[in-house]
C-alpha atoms as a PDB file:
ATOM      1  CA  UNK A   1     -27.754  42.268 -26.413  1.00  0.00           C
ATOM      2  CA  UNK A   2     -25.077  41.980 -23.752  1.00  0.00           C
ATOM      3  CA  UNK A   3     -26.847  44.509 -21.575  1.00  0.00           C
ATOM      4  CA  UNK A   4     -30.019  42.381 -21.574  1.00  0.00           C
ATOM      5  CA  UNK A   5     -28.024  39.356 -20.423  1.00  0.00           C
ATOM      6  CA  UNK A   6     -26.465  41.357 -17.615  1.00  0.00           C
ATOM      7  CA  UNK A   7     -29.832  42.647 -16.447  1.00  0.00           C
ATOM      8  CA  UNK A   8     -31.310  39.135 -16.418  1.00  0.00           C
ATOM      9  CA  UNK A   9     -28.301  37.692 -14.593  1.00  0.00           C
ATOM     10  CA  UNK A  10     -28.381  40.494 -12.040  1.00  0.00           C
ATOM     11  CA  UNK A  11     -32.067  40.094 -11.346  1.00  0.00           C
ATOM     12  CA  UNK A  12     -31.719  36.312 -10.932  1.00  0.00           C
ATOM     13  CA  UNK A  13     -28.802  36.800  -8.554  1.00  0.00           C
ATOM     14  CA  UNK A  14     -30.706  39.358  -6.509  1.00  0.00           C
ATOM     15  CA  UNK A  15     -33.740  37.076  -6.336  1.00  0.00           C
ATOM     16  CA  UNK A  16     -31.608  34.219  -5.070  1.00  0.00           C
ATOM     17  CA  UNK A  17     -29.898  36.333  -2.434  1.00  0.00           C
ATOM     18  CA  UNK A  18     -33.000  38.073  -1.198  1.00  0.00           C
ATOM     19  CA  UNK A  19     -35.350  35.073  -1.286  1.00  0.00           C
ATOM     20  CA  UNK A  20     -36.651  34.003   2.095  1.00  0.00           C
ATOM     21  CA  UNK A  21     -35.099  30.807   3.418  1.00  0.00           C
ATOM     22  CA  UNK A  22     -37.989  29.840   5.660  1.00  0.00           C
ATOM     23  CA  UNK A  23     -39.028  27.152   3.192  1.00  0.00           C
ATOM     24  CA  UNK A  24     -35.791  25.315   3.894  1.00  0.00           C
ATOM     25  CA  UNK A  25     -35.976  25.452   7.696  1.00  0.00           C
ATOM     26  CA  UNK A  26     -36.102  22.205   9.648  1.00  0.00           C
ATOM     27  CA  UNK A  27     -39.497  21.480  11.159  1.00  0.00           C
ATOM     28  CA  UNK A  28     -38.543  20.335  14.638  1.00  0.00           C
ATOM     29  CA  UNK A  29     -41.094  20.502  17.401  1.00  0.00           C
ATOM     30  CA  UNK A  30     -40.528  22.998  20.171  1.00  0.00           C
ATOM     31  CA  UNK A  31     -39.313  21.527  23.428  1.00  0.00           C
ATOM     32  CA  UNK A  32     -41.998  20.942  25.980  1.00  0.00           C
ATOM     33  CA  UNK A  33     -41.588  21.166  29.688  1.00  0.00           C
ATOM     34  CA  UNK A  34     -42.987  18.438  31.817  1.00  0.00           C
ATOM     35  CA  UNK A  35     -43.990  19.214  35.365  1.00  0.00           C
ATOM     36  CA  UNK A  36     -44.471  15.594  36.372  1.00  0.00           C
ATOM     37  CA  UNK A  37     -40.956  14.279  35.710  1.00  0.00           C
ATOM     38  CA  UNK A  38     -40.377  11.149  37.714  1.00  0.00           C
ATOM     39  CA  UNK A  39     -37.008  11.033  39.444  1.00  0.00           C
ATOM     40  CA  UNK A  40     -34.858   8.188  38.202  1.00  0.00           C
ATOM     41  CA  UNK A  41     -33.254   6.102  40.868  1.00  0.00           C
ATOM     42  CA  UNK A  42     -30.599   3.524  40.303  1.00  0.00           C
ATOM     43  CA  UNK A  43     -30.250   0.645  42.638  1.00  0.00           C
ATOM     44  CA  UNK A  44     -26.900   0.302  44.316  1.00  0.00           C
ATOM     45  CA  UNK A  45     -25.000  -2.780  43.236  1.00  0.00           C
ATOM     46  CA  UNK A  46     -24.905  -5.563  45.747  1.00  0.00           C
ATOM     47  CA  UNK A  47     -21.751  -7.137  47.129  1.00  0.00           C
ATOM     48  CA  UNK A  48     -22.170 -10.178  44.898  1.00  0.00           C
ATOM     49  CA  UNK A  49     -22.453  -7.914  41.831  1.00  0.00           C
ATOM     50  CA  UNK A  50     -19.257  -6.148  42.821  1.00  0.00           C
ATOM     51  CA  UNK A  51     -17.453  -9.439  43.400  1.00  0.00           C
ATOM     52  CA  UNK A  52     -18.626 -10.787  40.047  1.00  0.00           C
ATOM     53  CA  UNK A  53     -17.468  -7.584  38.349  1.00  0.00           C
ATOM     54  CA  UNK A  54     -14.051  -7.805  39.988  1.00  0.00           C
ATOM     55  CA  UNK A  55     -13.673 -11.424  38.859  1.00  0.00           C
ATOM     56  CA  UNK A  56     -14.782 -10.535  35.319  1.00  0.00           C
ATOM     57  CA  UNK A  57     -12.384  -7.580  35.292  1.00  0.00           C
ATOM     58  CA  UNK A  58      -9.494  -9.796  36.356  1.00  0.00           C
ATOM     59  CA  UNK A  59     -10.362 -12.311  33.626  1.00  0.00           C
ATOM     60  CA  UNK A  60     -10.618  -9.444  31.119  1.00  0.00           C
ATOM     61  CA  UNK A  61      -7.171  -8.159  32.052  1.00  0.00           C
ATOM     62  CA  UNK A  62      -5.673 -11.625  31.583  1.00  0.00           C
ATOM     63  CA  UNK A  63      -7.426 -12.024  28.228  1.00  0.00           C
ATOM     64  CA  UNK A  64      -6.331  -8.529  27.142  1.00  0.00           C
ATOM     65  CA  UNK A  65      -2.701  -9.268  28.027  1.00  0.00           C
ATOM     66  CA  UNK A  66      -2.854 -12.560  26.097  1.00  0.00           C
ATOM     67  CA  UNK A  67      -4.415 -10.777  23.120  1.00  0.00           C
ATOM     68  CA  UNK A  68      -1.730  -8.082  23.166  1.00  0.00           C
ATOM     69  CA  UNK A  69       1.035 -10.685  23.363  1.00  0.00           C
ATOM     70  CA  UNK A  70      -0.453 -12.669  20.459  1.00  0.00           C
ATOM     71  CA  UNK A  71      -0.846  -9.511  18.372  1.00  0.00           C
ATOM     72  CA  UNK A  72       2.683  -8.329  19.112  1.00  0.00           C
ATOM     73  CA  UNK A  73       4.153 -11.754  18.313  1.00  0.00           C
ATOM     74  CA  UNK A  74       2.269 -11.954  15.030  1.00  0.00           C
ATOM     75  CA  UNK A  75       3.365  -8.471  13.951  1.00  0.00           C
ATOM     76  CA  UNK A  76       6.981  -9.115  14.995  1.00  0.00           C
ATOM     77  CA  UNK A  77       7.020 -12.247  12.838  1.00  0.00           C
ATOM     78  CA  UNK A  78       5.448 -10.268   9.988  1.00  0.00           C
ATOM     79  CA  UNK A  79       8.076  -7.538  10.261  1.00  0.00           C
ATOM     80  CA  UNK A  80      10.851 -10.142  10.216  1.00  0.00           C
ATOM     81  CA  UNK A  81       9.377 -11.782   7.115  1.00  0.00           C
ATOM     82  CA  UNK A  82       9.123  -8.365   5.425  1.00  0.00           C
ATOM     83  CA  UNK A  83      12.822  -7.759   6.117  1.00  0.00           C
ATOM     84  CA  UNK A  84      13.667 -11.143   4.596  1.00  0.00           C
ATOM     85  CA  UNK A  85      11.433 -10.450   1.603  1.00  0.00           C
ATOM     86  CA  UNK A  86      13.019  -7.060   0.979  1.00  0.00           C
ATOM     87  CA  UNK A  87      16.493  -8.598   1.229  1.00  0.00           C
ATOM     88  CA  UNK A  88      15.530 -11.183  -1.404  1.00  0.00           C
ATOM     89  CA  UNK A  89      14.150  -8.464  -3.690  1.00  0.00           C
ATOM     90  CA  UNK A  90      17.321  -6.401  -3.276  1.00  0.00           C
ATOM     91  CA  UNK A  91      19.537  -9.412  -3.990  1.00  0.00           C
ATOM     92  CA  UNK A  92      17.535 -10.232  -7.107  1.00  0.00           C
ATOM     93  CA  UNK A  93      17.730  -6.632  -8.319  1.00  0.00           C
ATOM     94  CA  UNK A  94      21.488  -6.522  -7.713  1.00  0.00           C
ATOM     95  CA  UNK A  95      21.958  -9.798  -9.602  1.00  0.00           C
ATOM     96  CA  UNK A  96      19.916  -8.511 -12.531  1.00  0.00           C
ATOM     97  CA  UNK A  97      21.989  -5.335 -12.654  1.00  0.00           C
ATOM     98  CA  UNK A  98      25.205  -7.375 -12.695  1.00  0.00           C
ATOM     99  CA  UNK A  99      23.867  -9.619 -15.453  1.00  0.00           C
ATOM    100  CA  UNK A 100      22.822  -6.596 -17.509  1.00  0.00           C
ATOM    101  CA  UNK A 101      26.213  -4.939 -16.971  1.00  0.00           C
ATOM    102  CA  UNK A 102      27.984  -8.085 -18.153  1.00  0.00           C
ATOM    103  CA  UNK A 103      25.712  -8.303 -21.200  1.00  0.00           C
ATOM    104  CA  UNK A 104      26.217  -4.630 -22.078  1.00  0.00           C
ATOM    105  CA  UNK A 105      29.996  -5.010 -21.727  1.00  0.00           C
ATOM    106  CA  UNK A 106      29.976  -8.009 -24.082  1.00  0.00           C
ATOM    107  CA  UNK A 107      27.859  -6.122 -26.640  1.00  0.00           C
ATOM    108  CA  UNK A 108      30.138  -3.064 -26.426  1.00  0.00           C
ATOM    109  CA  UNK A 109      33.197  -5.296 -26.896  1.00  0.00           C
ATOM    110  CA  UNK A 110      31.606  -6.854 -29.979  1.00  0.00           C
ATOM    111  CA  UNK A 111      30.775  -3.404 -31.376  1.00  0.00           C
ATOM    112  CA  UNK A 112      34.276  -2.032 -30.794  1.00  0.00           C
ATOM    113  CA  UNK A 113      35.834  -5.159 -32.341  1.00  0.00           C
ATOM    114  CA  UNK A 114      33.580  -4.732 -35.369  1.00  0.00           C
ATOM    115  CA  UNK A 115      34.404  -1.030 -35.692  1.00  0.00           C
ATOM    116  CA  UNK A 116      38.129  -1.783 -35.436  1.00  0.00           C
ATOM    117  CA  UNK A 117      37.871  -4.512 -38.066  1.00  0.00           C
ATOM    118  CA  UNK A 118      35.822  -2.378 -40.447  1.00  0.00           C
ATOM    119  CA  UNK A 119      37.960   0.745 -40.119  1.00  0.00           C
ATOM    120  CA  UNK A 120      41.037  -0.716 -41.783  1.00  0.00           C
ATOM    121  CA  UNK A 121      39.191  -3.009 -44.200  1.00  0.00           C
ATOM    122  CA  UNK A 122      37.934  -1.924 -47.571  1.00  0.00           C
ATOM    123  CA  UNK A 123      36.686  -5.202 -48.983  1.00  0.00           C
ATOM    124  CA  UNK A 124      33.072  -6.246 -48.658  1.00  0.00           C
ATOM    125  CA  UNK A 125      34.006  -9.836 -47.738  1.00  0.00           C
ATOM    126  CA  UNK A 126      36.098  -8.678 -44.771  1.00  0.00           C
ATOM    127  CA  UNK A 127      33.270  -6.423 -43.588  1.00  0.00           C
ATOM    128  CA  UNK A 128      30.814  -9.307 -43.855  1.00  0.00           C
ATOM    129  CA  UNK A 129      33.113 -11.529 -41.779  1.00  0.00           C
ATOM    130  CA  UNK A 130      33.399  -8.783 -39.139  1.00  0.00           C
ATOM    131  CA  UNK A 131      29.624  -8.330 -39.156  1.00  0.00           C
ATOM    132  CA  UNK A 132      29.024 -12.075 -38.783  1.00  0.00           C
ATOM    133  CA  UNK A 133      31.505 -12.149 -35.903  1.00  0.00           C
ATOM    134  CA  UNK A 134      29.690  -9.254 -34.184  1.00  0.00           C
ATOM    135  CA  UNK A 135      26.274 -10.882 -34.650  1.00  0.00           C
ATOM    136  CA  UNK A 136      27.587 -14.186 -33.250  1.00  0.00           C
ATOM    137  CA  UNK A 137      29.119 -12.410 -30.231  1.00  0.00           C
ATOM    138  CA  UNK A 138      25.877 -10.542 -29.498  1.00  0.00           C
ATOM    139  CA  UNK A 139      23.889 -13.783 -29.847  1.00  0.00           C
ATOM    140  CA  UNK A 140      26.266 -15.553 -27.457  1.00  0.00           C
ATOM    141  CA  UNK A 141      25.967 -12.694 -24.966  1.00  0.00           C
ATOM    142  CA  UNK A 142      22.168 -12.800 -25.265  1.00  0.00           C
ATOM    143  CA  UNK A 143      22.122 -16.558 -24.631  1.00  0.00           C
ATOM    144  CA  UNK A 144      24.450 -16.173 -21.640  1.00  0.00           C
ATOM    145  CA  UNK A 145      22.243 -13.403 -20.253  1.00  0.00           C
ATOM    146  CA  UNK A 146      19.074 -15.492 -20.669  1.00  0.00           C
ATOM    147  CA  UNK A 147      20.740 -18.477 -18.970  1.00  0.00           C
ATOM    148  CA  UNK A 148      21.923 -16.306 -16.074  1.00  0.00           C
ATOM    149  CA  UNK A 149      18.444 -14.822 -15.584  1.00  0.00           C
ATOM    150  CA  UNK A 150      16.899 -18.304 -15.665  1.00  0.00           C
ATOM    151  CA  UNK A 151      19.414 -19.453 -13.031  1.00  0.00           C
ATOM    152  CA  UNK A 152      18.315 -16.761 -10.573  1.00  0.00           C
ATOM    153  CA  UNK A 153      16.270 -18.057  -7.644  1.00  0.00           C
ATOM    154  CA  UNK A 154      12.556 -17.393  -7.786  1.00  0.00           C
ATOM    155  CA  UNK A 155      11.271 -14.522  -5.719  1.00  0.00           C
ATOM    156  CA  UNK A 156       9.328 -15.408  -2.581  1.00  0.00           C
ATOM    157  CA  UNK A 157       5.715 -14.250  -2.381  1.00  0.00           C
ATOM    158  CA  UNK A 158       5.123 -11.047  -0.456  1.00  0.00           C
ATOM    159  CA  UNK A 159       4.219 -11.792   3.160  1.00  0.00           C
ATOM    160  CA  UNK A 160       0.611 -11.228   4.104  1.00  0.00           C
ATOM    161  CA  UNK A 161      -0.162  -9.054   7.110  1.00  0.00           C
ATOM    162  CA  UNK A 162      -1.410 -11.143  10.017  1.00  0.00           C
ATOM    163  CA  UNK A 163      -5.048 -11.157  10.966  1.00  0.00           C
ATOM    164  CA  UNK A 164      -5.481 -10.739  14.678  1.00  0.00           C
ATOM    165  CA  UNK A 165      -8.527 -11.794  16.645  1.00  0.00           C
ATOM    166  CA  UNK A 166     -10.725  -8.933  17.806  1.00  0.00           C
ATOM    167  CA  UNK A 167      -9.895  -7.263  21.083  1.00  0.00           C
ATOM    168  CA  UNK A 168     -11.691  -8.745  24.105  1.00  0.00           C
ATOM    169  CA  UNK A 169     -14.592  -6.712  25.422  1.00  0.00           C
ATOM    170  CA  UNK A 170     -14.438  -5.185  28.867  1.00  0.00           C
ATOM    171  CA  UNK A 171     -17.015  -6.223  31.444  1.00  0.00           C
ATOM    172  CA  UNK A 172     -19.840  -3.848  32.223  1.00  0.00           C
ATOM    173  CA  UNK A 173     -19.543  -2.111  35.556  1.00  0.00           C
ATOM    174  CA  UNK A 174     -22.579  -2.721  37.767  1.00  0.00           C
END
């Protein structure tokens, strides 16, 4: 059974490789030669055309310089606002890390105080008092952490890249 599959696959592969590809050729017409080609002549630009072009070119250069200055000013302001935005993000991240470190230190202190109190105590009432003290300390630390996070300044919105007017178009040479 496997031999039959191999024979069929081989014959299909051979048919695909040896098939003529003329059916897929592009039907483009053959180039024709024309014996009566008319010579193309371009009229020389007049002095007024040249003067108008020079004036338009000067105006284009002024407009291009103004466009470049406006674009550069807009992108410089954008870069400055990005630096300010990143500084605000970094300050917020640093503040959050400090708040979390303070919270974790308070929770660790409550845990170690509980473990110290429980280690020497054998009565259930003393353990319950130590547990209540630990829960109250963790709750106080949680409330202090929430208040500190709420007191953080709000983050500024990310600056939007400036949209610059399209580049002026150069005049057409006559």
